[in-house]
Amino acid sequence: MNLKFILFVMAFSSCAIPLSAQELNTENNQSPQNLAEIFVEESTFEFGTIEQGEIIQNVFEFVNTGAEPLLITNAKGSCGCTVPNWPKEPVMPGQSAQILVKFDSKGKRGKQAKRVTITANTEPAQTFFTIRGEINAPEVSEKPTDEIATAKETIKNTRVDVNSFVVYPNPTAEILNVELKSFKGEQAIMQIFNSTGQLMDSKNIQEVGDETYRFNVSDFPEGIYVVSTKVNGKMRVAKQISIVK
């Protein structure tokens, strides 16, 4: 009887030790179900064909669909020409936020694809956003020196506030509203492109005012579209929208 009891205790102990270690490991490691999660309708922005020297700024809108506040600890472009601007405060569960990605096409030519890596308390820890398109570039620049200096100064001061370009509602089925009040007095061209780069509608604004600019998108097929605004012939800022039926 004593021998059987001893064997039983030894067998129970050999099972209990791994079980305790597993329980300890579970307590010390956050479950994926308790992490934040980045959900974005479209993580790739196609800017089409632009002229060398233009600046593309795209606003990626995302939602934290996880269970914990989203904390973005770092955002880095694949090269110095691609610069992200991300929310520094926690994004609460269910809350939306925006990441602005600025791409400077100066000195670039041909097809381009640039990636931004977002590091946060998600699983996996990194999320990727991509902007890509093609750049037309002259073989030899004939711009005078003073014009080049002016262009450099323009580039240095072209980062926009993500809230300066307001597009709503998103998603939409009939009317899309665009507000450019932060660019008041500037010349602007507003364009809507579908996912293949086809121009669907446009407005040429000689002088931006306080009004809201409206697009009727009721005849557009369901899908993801890009609303792009070119300000003063050099800087573009864009946002993706969803059209639903």
C-alpha atoms as a PDB file:
ATOM      1  CA  MET A   1       0.000   0.000   0.000  1.00  0.00           C
ATOM      2  CA  ASN A   2       2.785   2.414   0.904  1.00  0.00           C
ATOM      3  CA  LEU A   3       4.590   1.693  -2.390  1.00  0.00           C
ATOM      4  CA  LYS A   4       1.442   2.387  -4.417  1.00  0.00           C
ATOM      5  CA  PHE A   5       0.870   5.642  -2.556  1.00  0.00           C
ATOM      6  CA  ILE A   6       4.442   6.779  -3.195  1.00  0.00           C
ATOM      7  CA  LEU A   7       4.147   5.972  -6.914  1.00  0.00           C
ATOM      8  CA  PHE A   8       0.851   7.894  -7.100  1.00  0.00           C
ATOM      9  CA  VAL A   9       2.382  10.975  -5.463  1.00  0.00           C
ATOM     10  CA  MET A  10       5.367  10.870  -7.827  1.00  0.00           C
ATOM     11  CA  ALA A  11       3.113  10.599 -10.904  1.00  0.00           C
ATOM     12  CA  PHE A  12       0.895  13.461  -9.724  1.00  0.00           C
ATOM     13  CA  SER A  13       3.908  15.689  -9.055  1.00  0.00           C
ATOM     14  CA  SER A  14       5.364  15.089 -12.523  1.00  0.00           C
ATOM     15  CA  CYS A  15       2.058  16.270 -14.089  1.00  0.00           C
ATOM     16  CA  ALA A  16       1.506  19.199 -11.753  1.00  0.00           C
ATOM     17  CA  ILE A  17       4.887  20.894 -12.293  1.00  0.00           C
ATOM     18  CA  PRO A  18       4.466  21.452 -16.101  1.00  0.00           C
ATOM     19  CA  LEU A  19       0.881  22.556 -15.527  1.00  0.00           C
ATOM     20  CA  SER A  20       1.963  25.184 -13.014  1.00  0.00           C
ATOM     21  CA  ALA A  21       4.629  26.462 -15.406  1.00  0.00           C
ATOM     22  CA  GLN A  22       2.036  26.750 -18.183  1.00  0.00           C
ATOM     23  CA  GLU A  23      -0.321  28.680 -15.901  1.00  0.00           C
ATOM     24  CA  LEU A  24       2.511  31.004 -14.874  1.00  0.00           C
ATOM     25  CA  ASN A  25       3.430  31.617 -18.524  1.00  0.00           C
ATOM     26  CA  THR A  26      -0.197  32.511 -19.331  1.00  0.00           C
ATOM     27  CA  GLU A  27      -0.312  35.027 -16.489  1.00  0.00           C
ATOM     28  CA  ASN A  28       2.941  36.727 -17.557  1.00  0.00           C
ATOM     29  CA  ASN A  29       2.109  37.012 -21.255  1.00  0.00           C
ATOM     30  CA  GLN A  30      -0.751  39.117 -22.595  1.00  0.00           C
ATOM     31  CA  SER A  31      -3.248  37.105 -24.581  1.00  0.00           C
ATOM     32  CA  PRO A  32      -3.691  38.187 -28.227  1.00  0.00           C
ATOM     33  CA  GLN A  33      -7.394  38.655 -27.462  1.00  0.00           C
ATOM     34  CA  ASN A  34      -6.461  41.418 -24.997  1.00  0.00           C
ATOM     35  CA  LEU A  35      -4.286  43.421 -27.413  1.00  0.00           C
ATOM     36  CA  ALA A  36      -5.113  46.444 -29.526  1.00  0.00           C
ATOM     37  CA  GLU A  37      -5.826  45.896 -33.223  1.00  0.00           C
ATOM     38  CA  ILE A  38      -5.456  48.205 -36.226  1.00  0.00           C
ATOM     39  CA  PHE A  39      -8.201  47.877 -38.823  1.00  0.00           C
ATOM     40  CA  VAL A  40      -7.931  49.864 -42.054  1.00  0.00           C
ATOM     41  CA  GLU A  41     -10.105  49.551 -45.158  1.00  0.00           C
ATOM     42  CA  GLU A  42      -7.137  49.951 -47.516  1.00  0.00           C
ATOM     43  CA  SER A  43      -3.490  50.045 -46.438  1.00  0.00           C
ATOM     44  CA  THR A  44      -2.122  50.871 -49.919  1.00  0.00           C
ATOM     45  CA  PHE A  45      -2.539  54.279 -51.545  1.00  0.00           C
ATOM     46  CA  GLU A  46      -2.108  54.541 -55.330  1.00  0.00           C
ATOM     47  CA  PHE A  47      -1.244  58.130 -56.209  1.00  0.00           C
ATOM     48  CA  GLY A  48      -1.192  57.525 -59.982  1.00  0.00           C
ATOM     49  CA  THR A  49       1.181  59.573 -62.152  1.00  0.00           C
ATOM     50  CA  ILE A  50       2.609  62.858 -60.880  1.00  0.00           C
ATOM     51  CA  GLU A  51       5.305  65.305 -61.941  1.00  0.00           C
ATOM     52  CA  GLN A  52       8.698  65.235 -60.261  1.00  0.00           C
ATOM     53  CA  GLY A  53       8.779  67.649 -57.320  1.00  0.00           C
ATOM     54  CA  GLU A  54       5.171  67.169 -56.260  1.00  0.00           C
ATOM     55  CA  ILE A  55       4.509  66.276 -52.652  1.00  0.00           C
ATOM     56  CA  ILE A  56       1.971  63.569 -51.858  1.00  0.00           C
ATOM     57  CA  GLN A  57       0.351  63.504 -48.429  1.00  0.00           C
ATOM     58  CA  ASN A  58      -2.112  60.724 -47.786  1.00  0.00           C
ATOM     59  CA  VAL A  59      -4.266  60.316 -44.696  1.00  0.00           C
ATOM     60  CA  PHE A  60      -4.807  56.690 -43.680  1.00  0.00           C
ATOM     61  CA  GLU A  61      -7.801  56.387 -41.362  1.00  0.00           C
ATOM     62  CA  PHE A  62      -7.930  53.351 -39.063  1.00  0.00           C
ATOM     63  CA  VAL A  63      -9.958  51.972 -36.157  1.00  0.00           C
ATOM     64  CA  ASN A  64      -8.731  50.239 -33.014  1.00  0.00           C
ATOM     65  CA  THR A  65     -10.872  47.087 -33.098  1.00  0.00           C
ATOM     66  CA  GLY A  66      -8.993  45.458 -30.215  1.00  0.00           C
ATOM     67  CA  ALA A  67      -9.748  45.214 -26.511  1.00  0.00           C
ATOM     68  CA  GLU A  68      -6.994  47.523 -25.218  1.00  0.00           C
ATOM     69  CA  PRO A  69      -5.973  51.151 -25.915  1.00  0.00           C
ATOM     70  CA  LEU A  70      -3.712  51.304 -28.972  1.00  0.00           C
ATOM     71  CA  LEU A  71      -0.240  52.687 -28.243  1.00  0.00           C
ATOM     72  CA  ILE A  72       1.866  53.443 -31.324  1.00  0.00           C
ATOM     73  CA  THR A  73       5.485  53.476 -30.189  1.00  0.00           C
ATOM     74  CA  ASN A  74       7.129  54.151 -33.540  1.00  0.00           C
ATOM     75  CA  ALA A  75       6.432  54.865 -37.212  1.00  0.00           C
ATOM     76  CA  LYS A  76       9.191  54.809 -39.810  1.00  0.00           C
ATOM     77  CA  GLY A  77       9.327  55.332 -43.574  1.00  0.00           C
ATOM     78  CA  SER A  78      11.360  53.107 -45.880  1.00  0.00           C
ATOM     79  CA  CYS A  79      13.433  56.141 -46.940  1.00  0.00           C
ATOM     80  CA  GLY A  80      14.000  59.764 -45.979  1.00  0.00           C
ATOM     81  CA  CYS A  81      11.535  60.909 -48.650  1.00  0.00           C
ATOM     82  CA  THR A  82       8.640  59.202 -46.845  1.00  0.00           C
ATOM     83  CA  VAL A  83       7.716  60.679 -43.467  1.00  0.00           C
ATOM     84  CA  PRO A  84       4.810  59.542 -41.252  1.00  0.00           C
ATOM     85  CA  ASN A  85       2.980  61.584 -38.639  1.00  0.00           C
ATOM     86  CA  TRP A  86       1.019  59.427 -36.192  1.00  0.00           C
ATOM     87  CA  PRO A  87      -1.165  59.911 -33.066  1.00  0.00           C
ATOM     88  CA  LYS A  88       0.955  60.151 -29.921  1.00  0.00           C
ATOM     89  CA  GLU A  89      -1.970  59.661 -27.538  1.00  0.00           C
ATOM     90  CA  PRO A  90      -3.627  56.255 -26.912  1.00  0.00           C
ATOM     91  CA  VAL A  91      -6.410  55.335 -29.336  1.00  0.00           C
ATOM     92  CA  MET A  92      -9.197  53.776 -27.294  1.00  0.00           C
ATOM     93  CA  PRO A  93     -11.047  50.581 -28.364  1.00  0.00           C
ATOM     94  CA  GLY A  94     -13.614  51.410 -31.046  1.00  0.00           C
ATOM     95  CA  GLN A  95     -12.061  54.824 -31.661  1.00  0.00           C
ATOM     96  CA  SER A  96     -10.752  55.967 -35.055  1.00  0.00           C
ATOM     97  CA  ALA A  97      -7.556  57.912 -35.729  1.00  0.00           C
ATOM     98  CA  GLN A  98      -5.417  59.000 -38.656  1.00  0.00           C
ATOM     99  CA  ILE A  99      -1.862  58.577 -39.879  1.00  0.00           C
ATOM    100  CA  LEU A 100      -0.494  61.145 -42.328  1.00  0.00           C
ATOM    101  CA  VAL A 101       2.172  59.865 -44.731  1.00  0.00           C
ATOM    102  CA  LYS A 102       4.129  62.491 -46.668  1.00  0.00           C
ATOM    103  CA  PHE A 103       6.095  61.521 -49.785  1.00  0.00           C
ATOM    104  CA  ASP A 104       8.450  64.013 -51.458  1.00  0.00           C
ATOM    105  CA  SER A 105       9.017  63.116 -55.132  1.00  0.00           C
ATOM    106  CA  LYS A 106      11.964  65.493 -55.544  1.00  0.00           C
ATOM    107  CA  GLY A 107      14.771  63.679 -57.378  1.00  0.00           C
ATOM    108  CA  LYS A 108      12.621  60.592 -58.001  1.00  0.00           C
ATOM    109  CA  ARG A 109      11.595  59.168 -61.375  1.00  0.00           C
ATOM    110  CA  GLY A 110       9.684  56.163 -62.680  1.00  0.00           C
ATOM    111  CA  LYS A 111       7.658  53.742 -60.573  1.00  0.00           C
ATOM    112  CA  GLN A 112       7.879  54.199 -56.820  1.00  0.00           C
ATOM    113  CA  ALA A 113       6.614  52.162 -53.849  1.00  0.00           C
ATOM    114  CA  LYS A 114       7.315  53.414 -50.342  1.00  0.00           C
ATOM    115  CA  ARG A 115       6.337  51.703 -47.112  1.00  0.00           C
ATOM    116  CA  VAL A 116       5.696  52.969 -43.596  1.00  0.00           C
ATOM    117  CA  THR A 117       6.082  50.561 -40.679  1.00  0.00           C
ATOM    118  CA  ILE A 118       3.898  51.146 -37.612  1.00  0.00           C
ATOM    119  CA  THR A 119       4.989  49.522 -34.338  1.00  0.00           C
ATOM    120  CA  ALA A 120       2.335  49.177 -31.636  1.00  0.00           C
ATOM    121  CA  ASN A 121       0.883  46.861 -28.979  1.00  0.00           C
ATOM    122  CA  THR A 122      -0.751  44.677 -31.626  1.00  0.00           C
ATOM    123  CA  GLU A 123      -0.260  41.087 -32.775  1.00  0.00           C
ATOM    124  CA  PRO A 124       1.819  41.099 -34.896  1.00  0.00           C
ATOM    125  CA  ALA A 125       3.550  44.180 -33.516  1.00  0.00           C
ATOM    126  CA  GLN A 126       4.074  45.801 -36.932  1.00  0.00           C
ATOM    127  CA  THR A 127       1.509  47.113 -39.420  1.00  0.00           C
ATOM    128  CA  PHE A 128       2.464  48.347 -42.896  1.00  0.00           C
ATOM    129  CA  PHE A 129       1.110  51.187 -45.039  1.00  0.00           C
ATOM    130  CA  THR A 130       2.224  51.671 -48.640  1.00  0.00           C
ATOM    131  CA  ILE A 131       2.042  54.539 -51.117  1.00  0.00           C
ATOM    132  CA  ARG A 132       2.985  53.939 -54.738  1.00  0.00           C
ATOM    133  CA  GLY A 133       2.719  55.395 -58.201  1.00  0.00           C
ATOM    134  CA  GLU A 134       4.784  56.746 -61.077  1.00  0.00           C
ATOM    135  CA  ILE A 135       6.773  59.970 -61.404  1.00  0.00           C
ATOM    136  CA  ASN A 136       7.344  61.864 -64.637  1.00  0.00           C
ATOM    137  CA  ALA A 137      10.741  63.536 -64.629  1.00  0.00           C
ATOM    138  CA  PRO A 138      12.541  65.636 -67.245  1.00  0.00           C
ATOM    139  CA  GLU A 139      15.949  64.446 -68.352  1.00  0.00           C
ATOM    140  CA  VAL A 140      17.500  67.848 -67.580  1.00  0.00           C
ATOM    141  CA  SER A 141      16.081  70.464 -65.225  1.00  0.00           C
ATOM    142  CA  GLU A 142      15.827  73.911 -66.786  1.00  0.00           C
ATOM    143  CA  LYS A 143      14.498  75.667 -63.707  1.00  0.00           C
ATOM    144  CA  PRO A 144      16.383  78.784 -62.667  1.00  0.00           C
ATOM    145  CA  THR A 145      18.221  78.755 -59.348  1.00  0.00           C
ATOM    146  CA  ASP A 146      15.794  81.137 -57.625  1.00  0.00           C
ATOM    147  CA  GLU A 147      12.832  78.919 -58.628  1.00  0.00           C
ATOM    148  CA  ILE A 148      14.579  75.848 -57.214  1.00  0.00           C
ATOM    149  CA  ALA A 149      15.203  77.697 -53.935  1.00  0.00           C
ATOM    150  CA  THR A 150      11.521  78.669 -53.764  1.00  0.00           C
ATOM    151  CA  ALA A 151      10.495  75.052 -54.402  1.00  0.00           C
ATOM    152  CA  LYS A 152      12.755  73.851 -51.569  1.00  0.00           C
ATOM    153  CA  GLU A 153      11.190  76.361 -49.182  1.00  0.00           C
ATOM    154  CA  THR A 154       7.715  75.195 -50.243  1.00  0.00           C
ATOM    155  CA  ILE A 155       8.629  71.550 -49.620  1.00  0.00           C
ATOM    156  CA  LYS A 156       9.955  72.358 -46.161  1.00  0.00           C
ATOM    157  CA  ASN A 157       6.633  73.885 -45.078  1.00  0.00           C
ATOM    158  CA  THR A 158       4.099  71.530 -46.647  1.00  0.00           C
ATOM    159  CA  ARG A 159       3.137  69.115 -43.898  1.00  0.00           C
ATOM    160  CA  VAL A 160      -0.576  69.560 -43.285  1.00  0.00           C
ATOM    161  CA  ASP A 161      -2.675  68.898 -40.242  1.00  0.00           C
ATOM    162  CA  VAL A 162      -4.769  65.768 -40.857  1.00  0.00           C
ATOM    163  CA  ASN A 163      -7.822  67.752 -39.755  1.00  0.00           C
ATOM    164  CA  SER A 164      -7.276  70.459 -42.374  1.00  0.00           C
ATOM    165  CA  PHE A 165      -8.703  68.236 -45.107  1.00  0.00           C
ATOM    166  CA  VAL A 166     -12.135  66.990 -43.997  1.00  0.00           C
ATOM    167  CA  VAL A 167     -14.048  64.392 -46.039  1.00  0.00           C
ATOM    168  CA  TYR A 168     -17.411  63.086 -44.792  1.00  0.00           C
ATOM    169  CA  PRO A 169     -19.443  60.980 -44.382  1.00  0.00           C
ATOM    170  CA  ASN A 170     -17.229  57.935 -44.751  1.00  0.00           C
ATOM    171  CA  PRO A 171     -18.578  55.518 -45.851  1.00  0.00           C
ATOM    172  CA  THR A 172     -21.189  57.225 -48.010  1.00  0.00           C
ATOM    173  CA  ALA A 173     -23.810  56.213 -50.575  1.00  0.00           C
ATOM    174  CA  GLU A 174     -24.957  59.472 -52.172  1.00  0.00           C
ATOM    175  CA  ILE A 175     -23.261  62.753 -51.212  1.00  0.00           C
ATOM    176  CA  LEU A 176     -19.612  63.299 -50.281  1.00  0.00           C
ATOM    177  CA  ASN A 177     -18.663  66.548 -48.543  1.00  0.00           C
ATOM    178  CA  VAL A 178     -15.176  68.062 -48.672  1.00  0.00           C
ATOM    179  CA  GLU A 179     -13.955  70.976 -46.538  1.00  0.00           C
ATOM    180  CA  LEU A 180     -10.680  72.807 -47.193  1.00  0.00           C
ATOM    181  CA  LYS A 181     -11.042  75.725 -44.792  1.00  0.00           C
ATOM    182  CA  SER A 182      -7.389  75.538 -43.735  1.00  0.00           C
ATOM    183  CA  PHE A 183      -6.426  76.330 -47.344  1.00  0.00           C
ATOM    184  CA  LYS A 184      -8.639  79.406 -47.560  1.00  0.00           C
ATOM    185  CA  GLY A 185      -7.597  81.729 -50.370  1.00  0.00           C
ATOM    186  CA  GLU A 186      -5.515  79.064 -52.136  1.00  0.00           C
ATOM    187  CA  GLN A 187      -6.129  77.579 -55.593  1.00  0.00           C
ATOM    188  CA  ALA A 188      -7.090  73.908 -55.467  1.00  0.00           C
ATOM    189  CA  ILE A 189      -8.109  71.020 -57.698  1.00  0.00           C
ATOM    190  CA  MET A 190     -10.220  68.324 -56.040  1.00  0.00           C
ATOM    191  CA  GLN A 191     -10.398  64.918 -57.739  1.00  0.00           C
ATOM    192  CA  ILE A 192     -11.958  61.534 -57.005  1.00  0.00           C
ATOM    193  CA  PHE A 193     -10.259  58.399 -58.374  1.00  0.00           C
ATOM    194  CA  ASN A 194     -11.412  54.784 -58.263  1.00  0.00           C
ATOM    195  CA  SER A 195      -9.143  51.898 -57.240  1.00  0.00           C
ATOM    196  CA  THR A 196      -7.737  51.559 -60.793  1.00  0.00           C
ATOM    197  CA  GLY A 197      -6.763  55.233 -60.988  1.00  0.00           C
ATOM    198  CA  GLN A 198      -9.666  56.318 -63.201  1.00  0.00           C
ATOM    199  CA  LEU A 199     -10.761  59.914 -62.643  1.00  0.00           C
ATOM    200  CA  MET A 200     -14.433  59.852 -61.585  1.00  0.00           C
ATOM    201  CA  ASP A 201     -15.121  63.525 -60.827  1.00  0.00           C
ATOM    202  CA  SER A 202     -13.274  66.789 -60.205  1.00  0.00           C
ATOM    203  CA  LYS A 203     -13.710  70.408 -59.137  1.00  0.00           C
ATOM    204  CA  ASN A 204     -11.381  73.300 -59.974  1.00  0.00           C
ATOM    205  CA  ILE A 205     -11.483  75.875 -57.167  1.00  0.00           C
ATOM    206  CA  GLN A 206      -9.882  79.189 -58.038  1.00  0.00           C
ATOM    207  CA  GLU A 207      -9.992  80.411 -54.449  1.00  0.00           C
ATOM    208  CA  VAL A 208     -10.879  78.170 -51.526  1.00  0.00           C
ATOM    209  CA  GLY A 209     -13.532  79.652 -49.258  1.00  0.00           C
ATOM    210  CA  ASP A 210     -15.518  78.657 -46.180  1.00  0.00           C
ATOM    211  CA  GLU A 211     -18.101  76.625 -48.074  1.00  0.00           C
ATOM    212  CA  THR A 212     -18.437  72.854 -48.144  1.00  0.00           C
ATOM    213  CA  TYR A 213     -17.817  71.296 -51.569  1.00  0.00           C
ATOM    214  CA  ARG A 214     -20.228  68.499 -52.473  1.00  0.00           C
ATOM    215  CA  PHE A 215     -19.819  65.538 -54.821  1.00  0.00           C
ATOM    216  CA  ASN A 216     -22.731  63.362 -55.911  1.00  0.00           C
ATOM    217  CA  VAL A 217     -21.372  59.796 -55.827  1.00  0.00           C
ATOM    218  CA  SER A 218     -24.709  57.969 -56.011  1.00  0.00           C
ATOM    219  CA  ASP A 219     -23.863  56.547 -59.455  1.00  0.00           C
ATOM    220  CA  PHE A 220     -20.394  55.329 -58.417  1.00  0.00           C
ATOM    221  CA  PRO A 221     -19.981  51.537 -58.026  1.00  0.00           C
ATOM    222  CA  GLU A 222     -19.398  50.259 -54.522  1.00  0.00           C
ATOM    223  CA  GLY A 223     -15.740  50.212 -53.507  1.00  0.00           C
ATOM    224  CA  ILE A 224     -12.713  52.143 -52.255  1.00  0.00           C
ATOM    225  CA  TYR A 225     -11.990  55.578 -53.763  1.00  0.00           C
ATOM    226  CA  VAL A 226      -9.363  58.272 -53.287  1.00  0.00           C
ATOM    227  CA  VAL A 227     -10.266  61.931 -52.776  1.00  0.00           C
ATOM    228  CA  SER A 228      -7.221  63.983 -53.774  1.00  0.00           C
ATOM    229  CA  THR A 229      -6.729  67.738 -53.505  1.00  0.00           C
ATOM    230  CA  LYS A 230      -3.863  69.501 -55.240  1.00  0.00           C
ATOM    231  CA  VAL A 231      -3.072  72.875 -53.701  1.00  0.00           C
ATOM    232  CA  ASN A 232      -1.220  75.590 -55.641  1.00  0.00           C
ATOM    233  CA  GLY A 233      -0.073  73.106 -58.258  1.00  0.00           C
ATOM    234  CA  LYS A 234       2.507  71.421 -55.993  1.00  0.00           C
ATOM    235  CA  MET A 235       1.117  69.735 -52.912  1.00  0.00           C
ATOM    236  CA  ARG A 236      -1.420  66.937 -52.870  1.00  0.00           C
ATOM    237  CA  VAL A 237      -3.292  65.676 -49.834  1.00  0.00           C
ATOM    238  CA  ALA A 238      -5.518  62.623 -50.146  1.00  0.00           C
ATOM    239  CA  LYS A 239      -7.872  60.354 -48.214  1.00  0.00           C
ATOM    240  CA  GLN A 240      -9.457  57.013 -48.984  1.00  0.00           C
ATOM    241  CA  ILE A 241     -13.224  56.702 -48.743  1.00  0.00           C
ATOM    242  CA  SER A 242     -15.703  53.839 -49.059  1.00  0.00           C
ATOM    243  CA  ILE A 243     -18.803  54.011 -51.237  1.00  0.00           C
ATOM    244  CA  VAL A 244     -21.542  51.578 -50.215  1.00  0.00           C
ATOM    245  CA  LYS A 245     -24.919  50.673 -51.677  1.00  0.00           C
END
